[in-house]
Amino acid sequence: MVFAISKRFPFTFLYNGYPHATLFHSPPSDSKKSAFMAKQIFQISTFSILLSLVAFAFSGEEDYIFEKFISRKSMDINKEKLSHLSFYWHDIVNGSKPTSMMIVPPPKNTTVFREIYMIDNALTLGPQLSSKLVGRAQGFYAVTSLNEFTLMNVMNFAFVEGKYNGSTLTILGRNPVIEKVREMAVIGGSGLFRYARGYAQASTYSWNRTTGDANVHYDVYVSHY
């Protein structure tokens, strides 16, 4: 008893040398050859699709969703509000407890261009450092001009006061410190300041030429929900 595959008809099994069964029916005549081949292609394509579906089912990919549409109501997004925040930013670079530290010094024999300072500066309600703490400014600023004292500020205002406790605003912008009022962008926020946008105006309240410590007043105008 021998089973084999016919060379003449690849889809025919031979039993003891005689045709026995076919995986697909052999074409009875040349006139039906095109229809027969089309049927074979359809069957093979269908079988391949079924295999793909089975493989996808076992992959578990249907459990993950990359994107879906949601309503504003489900995110508790109501009417947009405009808030004005006012506080003082204390940049302490000297003393026993500096809150602003140089992390990248300028090249030797050059200007202060390329200096970078990492900060964790107090934000207070009034101009005195002993005034009520409303948050901290965390981030960095860098000297980005060759010819004037201009900074690039990148920082988060992390608030600790009242209903804004735990909420943040992100500030990014050019800060030409010799100008009376400088304006930087509010590019985002978190907590009560989700979807925030607006601007911050900075004006120097005091600057100690000896120590380099600075006190800057910030007025922040921000739209949020």
Protein backbone atom coordinates (compact mmCIF):
# COMPACT_ATOMS: atom_id res chain seq x y z
CA MET A 1 0.00 0.00 0.00
CA VAL A 2 1.75 3.13 -1.23
CA PHE A 3 0.57 6.74 -1.21
CA ALA A 4 2.26 9.23 -3.54
CA ILE A 5 1.62 12.49 -5.32
CA SER A 6 1.09 12.42 -9.04
CA LYS A 7 3.66 14.41 -11.06
CA ARG A 8 1.11 14.91 -13.80
CA PHE A 9 -1.55 16.25 -11.46
CA PRO A 10 0.18 17.84 -8.44
CA PHE A 11 -3.02 17.91 -6.41
CA THR A 12 -3.81 14.15 -7.00
CA PHE A 13 -2.88 11.34 -4.57
CA LEU A 14 -1.89 7.94 -5.95
CA TYR A 15 -2.99 4.77 -4.14
CA ASN A 16 -0.85 1.77 -5.24
CA GLY A 17 -0.07 3.66 -8.43
CA TYR A 18 -3.67 4.61 -9.26
CA PRO A 19 -5.31 8.03 -8.90
CA HIS A 20 -7.30 8.04 -5.72
CA ALA A 21 -8.34 11.57 -4.57
CA THR A 22 -7.60 15.18 -5.32
CA LEU A 23 -7.08 18.14 -3.01
CA PHE A 24 -8.81 20.25 -5.66
CA HIS A 25 -10.86 18.78 -8.47
CA SER A 26 -8.83 18.32 -11.67
CA PRO A 27 -10.09 20.14 -14.70
CA PRO A 28 -12.15 17.81 -16.91
CA SER A 29 -11.13 19.62 -20.11
CA ASP A 30 -8.98 22.43 -21.51
CA SER A 31 -12.07 24.57 -22.08
CA LYS A 32 -12.59 24.78 -18.33
CA LYS A 33 -8.91 25.31 -17.45
CA SER A 34 -9.27 29.06 -16.78
CA ALA A 35 -12.25 28.53 -14.48
CA PHE A 36 -10.42 25.74 -12.70
CA MET A 37 -7.30 27.88 -12.09
CA ALA A 38 -9.44 30.77 -10.87
CA LYS A 39 -11.15 28.43 -8.43
CA GLN A 40 -7.79 27.17 -7.16
CA ILE A 41 -6.49 30.73 -6.68
CA PHE A 42 -9.69 31.66 -4.82
CA GLN A 43 -9.39 28.65 -2.52
CA ILE A 44 -5.71 29.30 -1.77
CA SER A 45 -6.38 33.01 -1.13
CA THR A 46 -9.26 32.20 1.20
CA PHE A 47 -7.10 29.71 3.11
CA SER A 48 -4.31 32.32 3.47
CA ILE A 49 -6.75 34.92 4.81
CA LEU A 50 -8.09 32.45 7.36
CA LEU A 51 -4.56 31.69 8.52
CA SER A 52 -3.85 35.43 8.89
CA LEU A 53 -7.00 35.93 10.95
CA VAL A 54 -6.07 33.06 13.25
CA ALA A 55 -2.54 34.46 13.72
CA PHE A 56 -3.95 37.92 14.50
CA ALA A 57 -6.38 36.47 17.04
CA PHE A 58 -3.54 34.80 18.92
CA SER A 59 -1.30 37.89 18.76
CA GLY A 60 -3.49 39.85 21.20
CA GLU A 61 -3.12 43.08 19.19
CA GLU A 62 -6.86 43.70 19.29
CA ASP A 63 -6.49 44.47 23.01
CA TYR A 64 -4.55 47.67 22.23
CA ILE A 65 -6.09 50.84 20.78
CA PHE A 66 -3.84 53.49 19.28
CA GLU A 67 -6.48 56.18 18.78
CA LYS A 68 -10.11 56.78 19.59
CA PHE A 69 -12.43 59.77 19.54
CA ILE A 70 -13.66 61.13 22.88
CA SER A 71 -16.07 63.86 23.86
CA ARG A 72 -15.08 67.07 25.62
CA LYS A 73 -17.69 66.30 28.27
CA SER A 74 -16.00 63.01 29.18
CA MET A 75 -12.77 64.95 29.87
CA ASP A 76 -14.63 67.48 32.04
CA ILE A 77 -13.67 70.30 29.67
CA ASN A 78 -16.16 73.11 30.19
CA LYS A 79 -15.98 76.83 29.51
CA GLU A 80 -12.51 78.28 28.97
CA LYS A 81 -11.26 80.63 31.69
CA LEU A 82 -8.65 83.39 31.77
CA SER A 83 -6.50 83.71 34.92
CA HIS A 84 -3.94 86.30 35.97
CA LEU A 85 -1.22 85.13 38.35
CA SER A 86 1.24 87.49 40.05
CA PHE A 87 4.29 86.47 42.08
CA TYR A 88 8.03 87.02 42.58
CA TRP A 89 10.83 84.78 41.30
CA HIS A 90 13.96 84.61 43.48
CA ASP A 91 17.18 83.68 41.69
CA ILE A 92 19.86 83.01 44.33
CA VAL A 93 23.24 82.17 42.84
CA ASN A 94 25.43 82.76 45.92
CA GLY A 95 25.42 82.05 49.63
CA SER A 96 25.15 78.83 51.57
CA LYS A 97 21.89 77.72 49.90
CA PRO A 98 21.87 78.76 46.24
CA THR A 99 18.80 77.86 44.21
CA SER A 100 20.44 78.60 40.88
CA MET A 101 23.65 76.75 39.99
CA MET A 102 25.86 76.86 36.91
CA ILE A 103 26.05 73.47 35.24
CA VAL A 104 27.85 74.53 32.03
CA PRO A 105 30.52 77.25 32.32
CA PRO A 106 31.53 79.39 29.33
CA PRO A 107 34.78 78.65 27.48
CA LYS A 108 37.84 80.34 28.91
CA ASN A 109 38.68 83.87 27.74
CA THR A 110 35.18 84.44 26.34
CA THR A 111 31.98 86.20 27.36
CA VAL A 112 29.26 84.53 29.43
CA PHE A 113 27.76 83.12 26.22
CA ARG A 114 26.88 79.42 26.67
CA GLU A 115 26.51 79.57 30.45
CA ILE A 116 23.69 77.30 31.63
CA TYR A 117 22.10 77.44 35.07
CA MET A 118 19.82 74.83 36.62
CA ILE A 119 17.22 76.38 38.91
CA ASP A 120 14.80 75.53 41.70
CA ASN A 121 13.78 79.07 42.57
CA ALA A 122 11.16 80.07 45.11
CA LEU A 123 8.00 81.83 43.92
CA THR A 124 6.57 84.10 46.59
CA LEU A 125 3.46 86.20 46.92
CA GLY A 126 5.42 89.36 47.83
CA PRO A 127 8.88 90.64 46.91
CA GLN A 128 10.52 89.44 50.12
CA LEU A 129 11.97 85.93 50.20
CA SER A 130 10.25 85.46 53.55
CA SER A 131 6.86 86.17 51.92
CA LYS A 132 4.31 83.39 51.45
CA LEU A 133 5.57 80.61 49.18
CA VAL A 134 3.19 79.95 46.27
CA GLY A 135 5.39 77.63 44.22
CA ARG A 136 8.78 76.95 42.71
CA ALA A 137 10.34 77.60 39.32
CA GLN A 138 12.17 74.48 38.18
CA GLY A 139 14.14 74.20 34.97
CA PHE A 140 17.10 76.05 33.49
CA TYR A 141 18.17 79.19 31.71
CA ALA A 142 21.06 79.71 29.33
CA VAL A 143 22.92 82.73 27.97
CA THR A 144 22.15 82.62 24.26
CA SER A 145 23.50 85.92 22.91
CA LEU A 146 27.05 86.83 21.91
CA ASN A 147 26.54 90.57 22.17
CA GLU A 148 24.05 91.15 24.98
CA PHE A 149 22.87 89.54 28.18
CA THR A 150 19.93 87.56 26.82
CA LEU A 151 18.67 84.30 28.24
CA MET A 152 16.56 81.44 27.03
CA ASN A 153 14.23 80.39 29.86
CA VAL A 154 12.85 76.86 30.04
CA MET A 155 11.01 76.24 33.30
CA ASN A 156 7.95 74.87 35.04
CA PHE A 157 6.09 76.91 37.60
CA ALA A 158 5.06 74.25 40.12
CA PHE A 159 2.43 75.74 42.41
CA VAL A 160 1.78 74.76 46.03
CA GLU A 161 -0.83 77.35 47.01
CA GLY A 162 -4.59 76.83 47.40
CA LYS A 163 -6.55 75.19 44.63
CA TYR A 164 -3.52 75.34 42.32
CA ASN A 165 -1.49 73.05 44.58
CA GLY A 166 0.02 70.35 42.34
CA SER A 167 -0.71 72.22 39.11
CA THR A 168 2.03 73.50 36.80
CA LEU A 169 2.62 75.97 33.98
CA THR A 170 5.41 75.56 31.44
CA ILE A 171 7.30 78.66 30.28
CA LEU A 172 9.53 78.89 27.22
CA GLY A 173 11.00 81.98 25.64
CA ARG A 174 13.64 84.62 25.06
CA ASN A 175 14.47 86.77 28.07
CA PRO A 176 16.54 89.90 27.30
CA VAL A 177 17.13 90.78 30.95
CA ILE A 178 18.27 94.37 30.31
CA GLU A 179 14.80 95.30 29.03
CA LYS A 180 12.24 96.61 31.50
CA VAL A 181 9.54 94.08 30.56
CA ARG A 182 10.19 90.76 28.85
CA GLU A 183 7.54 88.46 27.46
CA MET A 184 7.69 84.68 27.26
CA ALA A 185 5.16 82.07 26.15
CA VAL A 186 3.08 79.76 28.29
CA ILE A 187 3.18 76.59 26.21
CA GLY A 188 1.24 74.20 28.42
CA GLY A 189 0.36 73.07 31.88
CA SER A 190 -0.99 70.31 34.08
CA GLY A 191 -3.64 69.86 36.75
CA LEU A 192 -5.99 72.86 36.72
CA PHE A 193 -3.88 74.27 33.88
CA ARG A 194 -4.42 71.48 31.36
CA TYR A 195 -4.59 72.82 27.80
CA ALA A 196 -3.05 76.07 29.07
CA ARG A 197 -1.81 78.77 26.73
CA GLY A 198 -0.87 82.37 27.28
CA TYR A 199 2.09 84.55 28.11
CA ALA A 200 4.25 85.65 31.04
CA GLN A 201 5.67 89.14 31.54
CA ALA A 202 8.84 89.45 33.62
CA SER A 203 10.20 92.67 35.10
CA THR A 204 13.25 92.92 37.35
CA TYR A 205 12.36 94.03 40.87
CA SER A 206 15.97 94.00 42.17
CA TRP A 207 19.41 92.74 41.19
CA ASN A 208 22.49 92.57 43.39
CA ARG A 209 25.55 93.40 41.27
CA THR A 210 27.88 91.91 43.89
CA THR A 211 26.23 88.53 44.43
CA GLY A 212 24.34 88.24 41.16
CA ASP A 213 21.11 87.41 43.01
CA ALA A 214 17.95 88.64 41.27
CA ASN A 215 14.32 89.18 42.17
CA VAL A 216 11.91 89.21 39.23
CA HIS A 217 8.22 90.00 39.24
CA TYR A 218 6.06 87.79 37.01
CA ASP A 219 2.60 88.55 35.65
CA VAL A 220 1.18 85.46 33.99
CA TYR A 221 -1.95 85.56 31.82
CA VAL A 222 -3.20 82.09 30.99
CA SER A 223 -6.25 80.57 29.30
CA HIS A 224 -7.29 77.19 30.64
CA TYR A 225 -10.33 75.02 31.45
